[in-house]
Protein backbone atom coordinates (compact mmCIF):
# COMPACT_ATOMS: atom_id res chain seq x y z
CA MET A 1 52.91 -76.52 42.82
CA GLU A 2 53.19 -75.25 46.38
CA GLU A 3 57.00 -75.24 46.14
CA LEU A 4 56.86 -73.21 42.93
CA LYS A 5 54.51 -70.69 44.56
CA ALA A 6 56.79 -70.46 47.60
CA ALA A 7 59.78 -69.85 45.30
CA GLY A 8 57.99 -66.91 43.69
CA CYS A 9 57.61 -68.47 40.26
CA PHE A 10 54.12 -67.02 39.82
CA ASP A 11 54.86 -63.51 41.12
CA PRO A 12 54.45 -60.71 38.56
CA PRO A 13 57.71 -59.29 37.20
CA PRO A 14 58.98 -56.07 38.78
CA PRO A 15 58.11 -52.83 36.97
CA PRO A 16 60.76 -51.42 34.64
CA PRO A 17 62.91 -48.61 36.02
CA PRO A 18 61.90 -45.07 35.09
CA PRO A 19 63.77 -43.59 32.12
CA ALA A 20 66.82 -41.50 32.92
CA VAL A 21 66.49 -37.75 32.56
CA CYS A 22 68.60 -36.54 29.65
CA TYR A 23 67.82 -32.83 29.42
CA ARG A 24 67.03 -30.12 31.99
CA ASN A 25 66.48 -26.40 31.69
CA ALA A 26 67.14 -23.61 34.21
CA GLU A 27 63.60 -23.90 35.57
CA GLY A 28 64.12 -27.59 36.39
CA LEU A 29 61.89 -28.92 33.61
CA THR A 30 63.17 -32.23 32.25
CA TRP A 31 62.87 -34.42 29.19
CA ASP A 32 64.02 -38.04 28.80
CA ARG A 33 63.74 -38.22 24.98
CA GLN A 34 60.69 -40.45 25.37
CA GLY A 35 57.80 -39.33 23.23
CA GLU A 36 57.42 -35.95 21.58
CA MET A 37 59.73 -33.08 22.40
CA PRO A 38 58.07 -30.85 25.03
CA ASP A 39 57.43 -27.17 24.42
CA TRP A 40 60.39 -25.85 26.41
CA PRO A 41 63.16 -27.50 24.32
CA ARG A 42 61.20 -26.98 21.11
CA ARG A 43 60.99 -23.23 21.76
CA ALA A 44 64.72 -23.11 22.54
CA VAL A 45 65.61 -25.01 19.35
CA ASN A 46 63.33 -22.76 17.29
CA ALA A 47 65.14 -19.75 18.80
CA GLY A 48 68.49 -21.15 17.61
CA GLN A 49 69.71 -23.00 20.72
CA SER A 50 70.99 -26.56 20.36
CA VAL A 51 69.07 -29.16 22.36
CA GLU A 52 72.47 -30.54 23.41
CA PHE A 53 72.97 -27.37 25.46
CA PHE A 54 70.45 -28.82 27.95
CA ARG A 55 72.04 -32.31 28.10
CA ILE A 56 72.86 -33.42 31.66
CA GLY A 57 74.48 -36.75 31.30
């Protein structure tokens, strides 16, 4: 048991990496496509702009 503890077998797994930012506007606001679309891209899409216009990667 001591050898397993020393080898790190009981350590918690590392946290997952943060999601990559996919979209950014001129004000620096970002969205990673996780969850609901924030207000800033929604307003732009409703005004006729494609959300792909804000794609950064």
